[in-house]
């Protein structure tokens, strides 16, 4: 039986241990990439439409889905109201720049039976919970729901003096804002999806 030179044996052992180390590192990198991709927040999609789509694509999807286009230009399309909306969607606006969709604004119905400030805040909280489920906790929230007296909060919201906004970030894809505020046309509950950079 031939005995290996001790130096040669040490070199072979070191090479084997280095090979095992690199295989483990490579395996960990593959697992990390796979888990990160699997856990990444989904790209926002509204009525089958995603940010970054081209104007003709969006128009084609809306027409094939028999969506009632109430406005249509090279910079804006509006669907008001979308048919059979299960999510309480009152309307959707699609904003374009250089033929690319860079912003989607979704407006939700505020049922007439829920005119109190507490019910408005509860509607907002439900939408907030849905977005948090999809995209994780918000990056930032602004809560200006203050009025001189609690019974005046609804009026303050309606007049635009009280509002609530939370913002989520889908890395490298979108910013999502959930709003509750008042304007001349009434109280607005909306979600706005925007690309990071207008393309």
C-alpha atoms as a PDB file:
ATOM      1  CA  UNK A   1       0.000   0.000   0.000  1.00  0.00           C
ATOM      2  CA  UNK A   2       1.344   3.368  -1.045  1.00  0.00           C
ATOM      3  CA  UNK A   3       1.344   6.118   1.512  1.00  0.00           C
ATOM      4  CA  UNK A   4       0.576   9.637   0.376  1.00  0.00           C
ATOM      5  CA  UNK A   5       2.988  12.362   1.042  1.00  0.00           C
ATOM      6  CA  UNK A   6       1.701  14.368   4.102  1.00  0.00           C
ATOM      7  CA  UNK A   7       1.956  17.644   2.183  1.00  0.00           C
ATOM      8  CA  UNK A   8       0.038  16.183  -0.712  1.00  0.00           C
ATOM      9  CA  UNK A   9      -2.628  14.809   1.641  1.00  0.00           C
ATOM     10  CA  UNK A  10      -2.985  18.215   3.336  1.00  0.00           C
ATOM     11  CA  UNK A  11      -3.392  19.920  -0.048  1.00  0.00           C
ATOM     12  CA  UNK A  12      -6.066  17.405  -1.110  1.00  0.00           C
ATOM     13  CA  UNK A  13      -7.954  17.861   2.177  1.00  0.00           C
ATOM     14  CA  UNK A  14      -7.802  21.632   1.847  1.00  0.00           C
ATOM     15  CA  UNK A  15      -9.028  21.429  -1.754  1.00  0.00           C
ATOM     16  CA  UNK A  16     -11.918  19.160  -0.724  1.00  0.00           C
ATOM     17  CA  UNK A  17     -12.930  21.417   2.142  1.00  0.00           C
ATOM     18  CA  UNK A  18     -12.762  24.491  -0.125  1.00  0.00           C
ATOM     19  CA  UNK A  19     -14.912  22.712  -2.709  1.00  0.00           C
ATOM     20  CA  UNK A  20     -17.498  21.806  -0.050  1.00  0.00           C
ATOM     21  CA  UNK A  21     -17.449  25.426   1.192  1.00  0.00           C
ATOM     22  CA  UNK A  22     -18.024  26.863  -2.296  1.00  0.00           C
ATOM     23  CA  UNK A  23     -20.806  24.364  -3.008  1.00  0.00           C
ATOM     24  CA  UNK A  24     -22.538  25.393   0.251  1.00  0.00           C
ATOM     25  CA  UNK A  25     -22.153  29.095  -0.545  1.00  0.00           C
ATOM     26  CA  UNK A  26     -23.521  28.580  -4.060  1.00  0.00           C
ATOM     27  CA  UNK A  27     -26.454  26.610  -2.656  1.00  0.00           C
ATOM     28  CA  UNK A  28     -27.191  29.345  -0.104  1.00  0.00           C
ATOM     29  CA  UNK A  29     -27.086  32.004  -2.839  1.00  0.00           C
ATOM     30  CA  UNK A  30     -29.516  29.994  -4.989  1.00  0.00           C
ATOM     31  CA  UNK A  31     -31.867  29.506  -2.013  1.00  0.00           C
ATOM     32  CA  UNK A  32     -31.669  33.219  -1.118  1.00  0.00           C
ATOM     33  CA  UNK A  33     -32.469  34.319  -4.681  1.00  0.00           C
ATOM     34  CA  UNK A  34     -35.345  31.841  -4.929  1.00  0.00           C
ATOM     35  CA  UNK A  35     -36.858  32.843  -1.563  1.00  0.00           C
ATOM     36  CA  UNK A  36     -36.446  36.559  -2.309  1.00  0.00           C
ATOM     37  CA  UNK A  37     -38.162  36.172  -5.678  1.00  0.00           C
ATOM     38  CA  UNK A  38     -40.942  34.043  -4.201  1.00  0.00           C
ATOM     39  CA  UNK A  39     -41.591  36.511  -1.381  1.00  0.00           C
ATOM     40  CA  UNK A  40     -41.379  39.674  -3.482  1.00  0.00           C
ATOM     41  CA  UNK A  41     -44.495  41.797  -3.461  1.00  0.00           C
ATOM     42  CA  UNK A  42     -46.609  41.314  -6.556  1.00  0.00           C
ATOM     43  CA  UNK A  43     -46.690  43.943  -9.261  1.00  0.00           C
ATOM     44  CA  UNK A  44     -49.898  45.932  -8.800  1.00  0.00           C
ATOM     45  CA  UNK A  45     -52.611  44.991 -11.296  1.00  0.00           C
ATOM     46  CA  UNK A  46     -55.985  46.726 -11.644  1.00  0.00           C
ATOM     47  CA  UNK A  47     -58.684  45.345 -13.976  1.00  0.00           C
ATOM     48  CA  UNK A  48     -55.989  43.209 -15.638  1.00  0.00           C
ATOM     49  CA  UNK A  49     -53.765  46.240 -16.265  1.00  0.00           C
ATOM     50  CA  UNK A  50     -50.247  46.816 -14.875  1.00  0.00           C
ATOM     51  CA  UNK A  51     -48.058  49.871 -14.622  1.00  0.00           C
ATOM     52  CA  UNK A  52     -45.679  50.216 -17.568  1.00  0.00           C
ATOM     53  CA  UNK A  53     -48.120  48.865 -20.166  1.00  0.00           C
ATOM     54  CA  UNK A  54     -48.449  50.766 -23.438  1.00  0.00           C
ATOM     55  CA  UNK A  55     -51.485  52.922 -24.217  1.00  0.00           C
ATOM     56  CA  UNK A  56     -52.812  50.651 -27.040  1.00  0.00           C
ATOM     57  CA  UNK A  57     -52.507  47.555 -24.805  1.00  0.00           C
ATOM     58  CA  UNK A  58     -54.522  49.205 -22.029  1.00  0.00           C
ATOM     59  CA  UNK A  59     -57.193  50.432 -24.424  1.00  0.00           C
ATOM     60  CA  UNK A  60     -57.425  46.968 -26.015  1.00  0.00           C
ATOM     61  CA  UNK A  61     -57.856  45.247 -22.600  1.00  0.00           C
ATOM     62  CA  UNK A  62     -60.536  47.731 -21.547  1.00  0.00           C
ATOM     63  CA  UNK A  63     -62.449  47.389 -24.821  1.00  0.00           C
ATOM     64  CA  UNK A  64     -62.271  43.576 -24.813  1.00  0.00           C
ATOM     65  CA  UNK A  65     -63.556  43.599 -21.221  1.00  0.00           C
ATOM     66  CA  UNK A  66     -66.420  45.928 -22.224  1.00  0.00           C
ATOM     67  CA  UNK A  67     -65.312  48.572 -19.752  1.00  0.00           C
ATOM     68  CA  UNK A  68     -67.168  51.879 -20.144  1.00  0.00           C
ATOM     69  CA  UNK A  69     -64.513  54.406 -21.168  1.00  0.00           C
ATOM     70  CA  UNK A  70     -65.782  57.803 -20.064  1.00  0.00           C
ATOM     71  CA  UNK A  71     -62.564  59.635 -20.990  1.00  0.00           C
ATOM     72  CA  UNK A  72     -59.947  58.628 -23.506  1.00  0.00           C
ATOM     73  CA  UNK A  73     -56.960  60.610 -24.715  1.00  0.00           C
ATOM     74  CA  UNK A  74     -53.262  59.972 -25.203  1.00  0.00           C
ATOM     75  CA  UNK A  75     -52.645  60.971 -21.562  1.00  0.00           C
ATOM     76  CA  UNK A  76     -55.726  59.748 -19.665  1.00  0.00           C
ATOM     77  CA  UNK A  77     -58.324  56.974 -19.744  1.00  0.00           C
ATOM     78  CA  UNK A  78     -61.184  56.713 -17.271  1.00  0.00           C
ATOM     79  CA  UNK A  79     -63.482  53.791 -16.533  1.00  0.00           C
ATOM     80  CA  UNK A  80     -66.448  55.140 -14.599  1.00  0.00           C
ATOM     81  CA  UNK A  81     -67.968  52.951 -13.197  1.00  0.00           C
ATOM     82  CA  UNK A  82     -66.452  49.568 -13.999  1.00  0.00           C
ATOM     83  CA  UNK A  83     -69.122  46.884 -14.486  1.00  0.00           C
ATOM     84  CA  UNK A  84     -69.871  44.463 -11.644  1.00  0.00           C
ATOM     85  CA  UNK A  85     -67.114  45.657  -9.366  1.00  0.00           C
ATOM     86  CA  UNK A  86     -66.782  43.233  -6.481  1.00  0.00           C
ATOM     87  CA  UNK A  87     -64.319  45.480  -4.676  1.00  0.00           C
ATOM     88  CA  UNK A  88     -66.613  48.477  -4.369  1.00  0.00           C
ATOM     89  CA  UNK A  89     -64.680  50.319  -7.076  1.00  0.00           C
ATOM     90  CA  UNK A  90     -66.468  53.465  -8.199  1.00  0.00           C
ATOM     91  CA  UNK A  91     -64.032  54.354 -10.962  1.00  0.00           C
ATOM     92  CA  UNK A  92     -60.486  54.032 -12.254  1.00  0.00           C
ATOM     93  CA  UNK A  93     -58.249  56.532 -14.031  1.00  0.00           C
ATOM     94  CA  UNK A  94     -55.181  55.513 -16.034  1.00  0.00           C
ATOM     95  CA  UNK A  95     -52.477  58.153 -16.619  1.00  0.00           C
ATOM     96  CA  UNK A  96     -49.965  57.936 -19.476  1.00  0.00           C
ATOM     97  CA  UNK A  97     -46.736  59.669 -20.341  1.00  0.00           C
ATOM     98  CA  UNK A  98     -44.881  58.941 -23.581  1.00  0.00           C
ATOM     99  CA  UNK A  99     -47.387  56.162 -24.318  1.00  0.00           C
ATOM    100  CA  UNK A 100     -46.618  54.307 -21.041  1.00  0.00           C
ATOM    101  CA  UNK A 101     -48.962  53.838 -18.096  1.00  0.00           C
ATOM    102  CA  UNK A 102     -47.278  55.458 -15.090  1.00  0.00           C
ATOM    103  CA  UNK A 103     -50.181  55.959 -12.672  1.00  0.00           C
ATOM    104  CA  UNK A 104     -53.467  54.255 -11.800  1.00  0.00           C
ATOM    105  CA  UNK A 105     -55.973  55.924  -9.463  1.00  0.00           C
ATOM    106  CA  UNK A 106     -58.730  53.705  -8.058  1.00  0.00           C
ATOM    107  CA  UNK A 107     -61.732  55.371  -6.406  1.00  0.00           C
ATOM    108  CA  UNK A 108     -63.915  53.398  -4.002  1.00  0.00           C
ATOM    109  CA  UNK A 109     -67.586  53.813  -3.238  1.00  0.00           C
ATOM    110  CA  UNK A 110     -68.502  55.221   0.124  1.00  0.00           C
ATOM    111  CA  UNK A 111     -71.918  53.736   0.904  1.00  0.00           C
ATOM    112  CA  UNK A 112     -74.551  56.263   1.869  1.00  0.00           C
ATOM    113  CA  UNK A 113     -75.361  54.201   4.946  1.00  0.00           C
ATOM    114  CA  UNK A 114     -71.867  54.918   6.309  1.00  0.00           C
ATOM    115  CA  UNK A 115     -71.749  58.688   6.675  1.00  0.00           C
ATOM    116  CA  UNK A 116     -70.122  58.830  10.112  1.00  0.00           C
ATOM    117  CA  UNK A 117     -66.441  59.559  10.601  1.00  0.00           C
ATOM    118  CA  UNK A 118     -65.994  56.279  12.485  1.00  0.00           C
ATOM    119  CA  UNK A 119     -67.410  54.319   9.535  1.00  0.00           C
ATOM    120  CA  UNK A 120     -65.215  56.211   7.074  1.00  0.00           C
ATOM    121  CA  UNK A 121     -62.159  55.401   9.166  1.00  0.00           C
ATOM    122  CA  UNK A 122     -63.269  51.738   9.300  1.00  0.00           C
ATOM    123  CA  UNK A 123     -63.557  51.644   5.466  1.00  0.00           C
ATOM    124  CA  UNK A 124     -60.074  53.109   5.243  1.00  0.00           C
ATOM    125  CA  UNK A 125     -58.761  50.551   7.758  1.00  0.00           C
ATOM    126  CA  UNK A 126     -60.164  47.654   5.678  1.00  0.00           C
ATOM    127  CA  UNK A 127     -58.398  48.933   2.555  1.00  0.00           C
ATOM    128  CA  UNK A 128     -55.246  49.500   4.593  1.00  0.00           C
ATOM    129  CA  UNK A 129     -55.355  45.909   5.858  1.00  0.00           C
ATOM    130  CA  UNK A 130     -55.745  44.546   2.302  1.00  0.00           C
ATOM    131  CA  UNK A 131     -52.748  46.534   1.045  1.00  0.00           C
ATOM    132  CA  UNK A 132     -50.684  45.511   4.091  1.00  0.00           C
ATOM    133  CA  UNK A 133     -51.487  41.844   3.348  1.00  0.00           C
ATOM    134  CA  UNK A 134     -50.244  42.266  -0.226  1.00  0.00           C
ATOM    135  CA  UNK A 135     -47.280  44.618   0.235  1.00  0.00           C
ATOM    136  CA  UNK A 136     -46.281  44.475   3.908  1.00  0.00           C
ATOM    137  CA  UNK A 137     -46.463  47.348   6.382  1.00  0.00           C
ATOM    138  CA  UNK A 138     -46.684  50.868   4.964  1.00  0.00           C
ATOM    139  CA  UNK A 139     -43.486  52.854   4.614  1.00  0.00           C
ATOM    140  CA  UNK A 140     -45.161  55.996   5.915  1.00  0.00           C
ATOM    141  CA  UNK A 141     -48.540  57.100   7.286  1.00  0.00           C
ATOM    142  CA  UNK A 142     -49.896  60.588   7.838  1.00  0.00           C
ATOM    143  CA  UNK A 143     -52.884  60.842  10.134  1.00  0.00           C
ATOM    144  CA  UNK A 144     -54.492  64.263  10.316  1.00  0.00           C
ATOM    145  CA  UNK A 145     -57.832  63.059  11.633  1.00  0.00           C
ATOM    146  CA  UNK A 146     -58.331  65.847  14.135  1.00  0.00           C
ATOM    147  CA  UNK A 147     -61.356  68.058  14.700  1.00  0.00           C
ATOM    148  CA  UNK A 148     -62.319  70.411  17.522  1.00  0.00           C
ATOM    149  CA  UNK A 149     -64.884  67.825  18.697  1.00  0.00           C
ATOM    150  CA  UNK A 150     -65.343  64.140  17.746  1.00  0.00           C
ATOM    151  CA  UNK A 151     -68.810  64.789  16.326  1.00  0.00           C
ATOM    152  CA  UNK A 152     -67.274  67.306  13.875  1.00  0.00           C
ATOM    153  CA  UNK A 153     -64.744  64.892  12.354  1.00  0.00           C
ATOM    154  CA  UNK A 154     -67.019  63.838   9.472  1.00  0.00           C
ATOM    155  CA  UNK A 155     -67.542  67.482   8.528  1.00  0.00           C
ATOM    156  CA  UNK A 156     -63.801  68.150   8.752  1.00  0.00           C
ATOM    157  CA  UNK A 157     -63.062  65.196   6.455  1.00  0.00           C
ATOM    158  CA  UNK A 158     -65.728  66.365   3.986  1.00  0.00           C
ATOM    159  CA  UNK A 159     -64.242  69.870   3.911  1.00  0.00           C
ATOM    160  CA  UNK A 160     -60.696  68.615   3.385  1.00  0.00           C
ATOM    161  CA  UNK A 161     -59.473  69.694   6.824  1.00  0.00           C
ATOM    162  CA  UNK A 162     -58.871  66.140   8.060  1.00  0.00           C
ATOM    163  CA  UNK A 163     -57.319  63.325   6.048  1.00  0.00           C
ATOM    164  CA  UNK A 164     -55.395  60.080   6.269  1.00  0.00           C
ATOM    165  CA  UNK A 165     -52.733  58.706   3.922  1.00  0.00           C
ATOM    166  CA  UNK A 166     -50.450  55.664   3.989  1.00  0.00           C
ATOM    167  CA  UNK A 167     -47.733  54.853   1.444  1.00  0.00           C
ATOM    168  CA  UNK A 168     -46.335  51.440   0.495  1.00  0.00           C
ATOM    169  CA  UNK A 169     -43.289  50.782  -1.620  1.00  0.00           C
ATOM    170  CA  UNK A 170     -42.929  47.887  -4.036  1.00  0.00           C
ATOM    171  CA  UNK A 171     -39.142  48.011  -4.543  1.00  0.00           C
ATOM    172  CA  UNK A 172     -38.088  49.057  -8.038  1.00  0.00           C
ATOM    173  CA  UNK A 173     -41.688  48.939  -9.244  1.00  0.00           C
ATOM    174  CA  UNK A 174     -44.254  51.196  -7.594  1.00  0.00           C
ATOM    175  CA  UNK A 175     -45.387  53.506  -4.841  1.00  0.00           C
ATOM    176  CA  UNK A 176     -48.898  52.879  -3.553  1.00  0.00           C
ATOM    177  CA  UNK A 177     -50.857  55.531  -1.641  1.00  0.00           C
ATOM    178  CA  UNK A 178     -54.135  55.003   0.184  1.00  0.00           C
ATOM    179  CA  UNK A 179     -56.099  58.214   0.773  1.00  0.00           C
ATOM    180  CA  UNK A 180     -59.161  59.357   2.702  1.00  0.00           C
ATOM    181  CA  UNK A 181     -59.907  63.052   2.200  1.00  0.00           C
ATOM    182  CA  UNK A 182     -62.580  65.543   1.189  1.00  0.00           C
ATOM    183  CA  UNK A 183     -62.918  67.750  -1.874  1.00  0.00           C
ATOM    184  CA  UNK A 184     -65.670  69.775  -3.561  1.00  0.00           C
ATOM    185  CA  UNK A 185     -67.275  66.666  -5.059  1.00  0.00           C
ATOM    186  CA  UNK A 186     -67.426  64.879  -1.682  1.00  0.00           C
ATOM    187  CA  UNK A 187     -65.404  62.474   0.422  1.00  0.00           C
ATOM    188  CA  UNK A 188     -62.826  60.426  -1.473  1.00  0.00           C
ATOM    189  CA  UNK A 189     -61.407  57.004  -0.606  1.00  0.00           C
ATOM    190  CA  UNK A 190     -58.778  56.069  -3.185  1.00  0.00           C
ATOM    191  CA  UNK A 191     -55.670  54.059  -3.874  1.00  0.00           C
ATOM    192  CA  UNK A 192     -53.036  55.471  -6.233  1.00  0.00           C
ATOM    193  CA  UNK A 193     -50.403  53.254  -7.872  1.00  0.00           C
ATOM    194  CA  UNK A 194     -47.409  55.037  -9.435  1.00  0.00           C
ATOM    195  CA  UNK A 195     -44.179  53.920 -11.035  1.00  0.00           C
ATOM    196  CA  UNK A 196     -41.029  55.168  -9.318  1.00  0.00           C
ATOM    197  CA  UNK A 197     -40.002  57.107 -12.389  1.00  0.00           C
ATOM    198  CA  UNK A 198     -42.197  58.384 -15.149  1.00  0.00           C
ATOM    199  CA  UNK A 199     -40.865  56.668 -18.239  1.00  0.00           C
END
